[in-house]
C-alpha atoms as a PDB file:
ATOM      1  CA  UNK A   1       3.351  13.640   2.044  1.00  0.00           C
ATOM      2  CA  UNK A   2       6.443  12.977   4.127  1.00  0.00           C
ATOM      3  CA  UNK A   3       4.948  10.139   6.199  1.00  0.00           C
ATOM      4  CA  UNK A   4       3.683   8.427   3.019  1.00  0.00           C
ATOM      5  CA  UNK A   5       7.118   8.604   1.444  1.00  0.00           C
ATOM      6  CA  UNK A   6       8.680   7.081   4.563  1.00  0.00           C
ATOM      7  CA  UNK A   7       6.105   4.281   4.528  1.00  0.00           C
ATOM      8  CA  UNK A   8       6.824   3.564   0.843  1.00  0.00           C
ATOM      9  CA  UNK A   9      10.465   2.926   1.687  1.00  0.00           C
ATOM     10  CA  UNK A  10       9.505   0.645   4.578  1.00  0.00           C
ATOM     11  CA  UNK A  11       7.139  -1.368   2.373  1.00  0.00           C
ATOM     12  CA  UNK A  12       9.746  -2.117  -0.302  1.00  0.00           C
ATOM     13  CA  UNK A  13      11.656  -4.800   1.678  1.00  0.00           C
ATOM     14  CA  UNK A  14       8.349  -6.377   2.804  1.00  0.00           C
ATOM     15  CA  UNK A  15       7.211  -6.536  -0.813  1.00  0.00           C
ATOM     16  CA  UNK A  16      10.523  -7.960  -1.997  1.00  0.00           C
ATOM     17  CA  UNK A  17      10.512 -10.637   0.702  1.00  0.00           C
ATOM     18  CA  UNK A  18       6.899 -11.819   0.377  1.00  0.00           C
ATOM     19  CA  UNK A  19       5.780 -11.028  -3.169  1.00  0.00           C
ATOM     20  CA  UNK A  20       6.846 -14.381  -4.632  1.00  0.00           C
ATOM     21  CA  UNK A  21       4.806 -16.108  -1.897  1.00  0.00           C
ATOM     22  CA  UNK A  22       1.631 -14.253  -2.935  1.00  0.00           C
ATOM     23  CA  UNK A  23       1.813 -10.872  -1.181  1.00  0.00           C
ATOM     24  CA  UNK A  24       0.779  -7.957  -3.377  1.00  0.00           C
ATOM     25  CA  UNK A  25       0.696  -4.218  -2.817  1.00  0.00           C
ATOM     26  CA  UNK A  26      -1.482  -1.841  -4.773  1.00  0.00           C
ATOM     27  CA  UNK A  27      -0.859   1.820  -4.021  1.00  0.00           C
ATOM     28  CA  UNK A  28      -3.517   4.476  -4.323  1.00  0.00           C
ATOM     29  CA  UNK A  29      -2.065   7.954  -4.599  1.00  0.00           C
ATOM     30  CA  UNK A  30      -4.005  11.025  -3.568  1.00  0.00           C
ATOM     31  CA  UNK A  31      -1.672  13.320  -5.471  1.00  0.00           C
ATOM     32  CA  UNK A  32      -2.891  16.127  -7.680  1.00  0.00           C
ATOM     33  CA  UNK A  33       0.212  16.496  -9.836  1.00  0.00           C
ATOM     34  CA  UNK A  34       1.269  13.679 -12.148  1.00  0.00           C
ATOM     35  CA  UNK A  35       4.949  14.669 -12.235  1.00  0.00           C
ATOM     36  CA  UNK A  36       5.246  14.634  -8.428  1.00  0.00           C
ATOM     37  CA  UNK A  37       3.487  11.264  -8.250  1.00  0.00           C
ATOM     38  CA  UNK A  38       5.721   9.714 -10.916  1.00  0.00           C
ATOM     39  CA  UNK A  39       8.847  11.121  -9.267  1.00  0.00           C
ATOM     40  CA  UNK A  40       7.839   9.662  -5.889  1.00  0.00           C
ATOM     41  CA  UNK A  41       7.282   6.224  -7.415  1.00  0.00           C
ATOM     42  CA  UNK A  42      10.690   6.264  -9.050  1.00  0.00           C
ATOM     43  CA  UNK A  43      12.581   7.774  -6.111  1.00  0.00           C
ATOM     44  CA  UNK A  44      10.986   5.452  -3.539  1.00  0.00           C
ATOM     45  CA  UNK A  45      11.430   2.320  -5.683  1.00  0.00           C
ATOM     46  CA  UNK A  46       7.726   1.519  -5.730  1.00  0.00           C
ATOM     47  CA  UNK A  47       7.775  -1.490  -8.058  1.00  0.00           C
ATOM     48  CA  UNK A  48       4.246  -2.664  -7.294  1.00  0.00           C
ATOM     49  CA  UNK A  49       1.057  -1.541  -9.129  1.00  0.00           C
ATOM     50  CA  UNK A  50       0.131   2.138  -8.732  1.00  0.00           C
ATOM     51  CA  UNK A  51      -3.130   3.972  -9.300  1.00  0.00           C
ATOM     52  CA  UNK A  52      -4.175   7.596  -9.005  1.00  0.00           C
ATOM     53  CA  UNK A  53      -7.046   9.709 -10.212  1.00  0.00           C
ATOM     54  CA  UNK A  54      -4.835  12.778  -9.700  1.00  0.00           C
ATOM     55  CA  UNK A  55      -7.743  14.356  -7.816  1.00  0.00           C
ATOM     56  CA  UNK A  56      -6.163  14.552  -4.362  1.00  0.00           C
ATOM     57  CA  UNK A  57      -8.630  14.169  -1.512  1.00  0.00           C
ATOM     58  CA  UNK A  58     -11.506  14.214  -4.014  1.00  0.00           C
ATOM     59  CA  UNK A  59     -10.491  10.750  -5.249  1.00  0.00           C
ATOM     60  CA  UNK A  60     -13.574   8.548  -5.635  1.00  0.00           C
ATOM     61  CA  UNK A  61     -11.460   5.430  -5.020  1.00  0.00           C
ATOM     62  CA  UNK A  62     -10.053   6.925  -1.825  1.00  0.00           C
ATOM     63  CA  UNK A  63     -13.598   7.566  -0.643  1.00  0.00           C
ATOM     64  CA  UNK A  64     -14.664   4.027  -1.527  1.00  0.00           C
ATOM     65  CA  UNK A  65     -11.919   2.586   0.666  1.00  0.00           C
ATOM     66  CA  UNK A  66     -12.297   5.144   3.474  1.00  0.00           C
ATOM     67  CA  UNK A  67      -8.856   6.638   2.916  1.00  0.00           C
ATOM     68  CA  UNK A  68      -9.072   9.646   5.182  1.00  0.00           C
ATOM     69  CA  UNK A  69      -5.688   9.591   6.901  1.00  0.00           C
ATOM     70  CA  UNK A  70      -2.340   9.012   5.264  1.00  0.00           C
ATOM     71  CA  UNK A  71      -0.482   6.799   5.088  1.00  0.00           C
ATOM     72  CA  UNK A  72      -3.040   4.010   5.254  1.00  0.00           C
ATOM     73  CA  UNK A  73      -2.830   0.337   4.442  1.00  0.00           C
ATOM     74  CA  UNK A  74      -5.447  -2.362   4.273  1.00  0.00           C
ATOM     75  CA  UNK A  75      -4.496  -6.034   4.410  1.00  0.00           C
ATOM     76  CA  UNK A  76      -6.967  -8.159   2.451  1.00  0.00           C
ATOM     77  CA  UNK A  77      -7.037 -11.947   2.585  1.00  0.00           C
ATOM     78  CA  UNK A  78      -7.399 -14.284  -0.399  1.00  0.00           C
ATOM     79  CA  UNK A  79     -11.205 -14.197  -0.155  1.00  0.00           C
ATOM     80  CA  UNK A  80     -11.322 -10.395  -0.350  1.00  0.00           C
ATOM     81  CA  UNK A  81     -12.096  -9.938   3.348  1.00  0.00           C
ATOM     82  CA  UNK A  82     -10.380  -7.077   5.159  1.00  0.00           C
ATOM     83  CA  UNK A  83      -8.035  -8.745   7.625  1.00  0.00           C
ATOM     84  CA  UNK A  84      -6.478  -5.650   9.215  1.00  0.00           C
ATOM     85  CA  UNK A  85      -5.853  -1.959   8.676  1.00  0.00           C
ATOM     86  CA  UNK A  86      -2.918   0.328   9.338  1.00  0.00           C
ATOM     87  CA  UNK A  87      -0.363  -2.266  10.383  1.00  0.00           C
ATOM     88  CA  UNK A  88       3.280  -1.249  10.350  1.00  0.00           C
ATOM     89  CA  UNK A  89       6.671  -2.775  11.067  1.00  0.00           C
ATOM     90  CA  UNK A  90       6.675  -6.137  12.815  1.00  0.00           C
ATOM     91  CA  UNK A  91       2.879  -6.133  13.181  1.00  0.00           C
ATOM     92  CA  UNK A  92       2.522  -5.988   9.393  1.00  0.00           C
ATOM     93  CA  UNK A  93       5.151  -8.679   8.817  1.00  0.00           C
ATOM     94  CA  UNK A  94       3.500 -11.033  11.328  1.00  0.00           C
ATOM     95  CA  UNK A  95       0.082 -10.528   9.731  1.00  0.00           C
ATOM     96  CA  UNK A  96       1.432 -11.087   6.203  1.00  0.00           C
ATOM     97  CA  UNK A  97       3.246 -14.239   7.286  1.00  0.00           C
ATOM     98  CA  UNK A  98       0.090 -15.514   8.994  1.00  0.00           C
ATOM     99  CA  UNK A  99      -2.044 -14.927   5.927  1.00  0.00           C
ATOM    100  CA  UNK A 100       0.485 -16.534   3.602  1.00  0.00           C
ATOM    101  CA  UNK A 101       0.679 -19.618   5.836  1.00  0.00           C
ATOM    102  CA  UNK A 102      -3.124 -19.842   5.828  1.00  0.00           C
ATOM    103  CA  UNK A 103      -3.064 -19.989   2.012  1.00  0.00           C
ATOM    104  CA  UNK A 104      -1.362 -23.366   2.005  1.00  0.00           C
END
């Protein structure tokens, strides 16, 4: 979807800046068509791990993580606890920085 593609491009600089410090992104695609999914990953520069069942909204993984609206992100701390959901822009950067500082 258009909003997802825009979010992918916004996440790339965040990933590049914080990945070496321990920040990881794992993308779950709700695409149905493999070729469209692969093209989006390449075009948007999504260099982090990607997963898809290629089942669209019927994705079992999407259901497990309550992915009902797109785009969606979930920030998980080092213990596996959900820290925040659907943060964007400066709110996301502040939360990531806070969690990375708490690691040390």
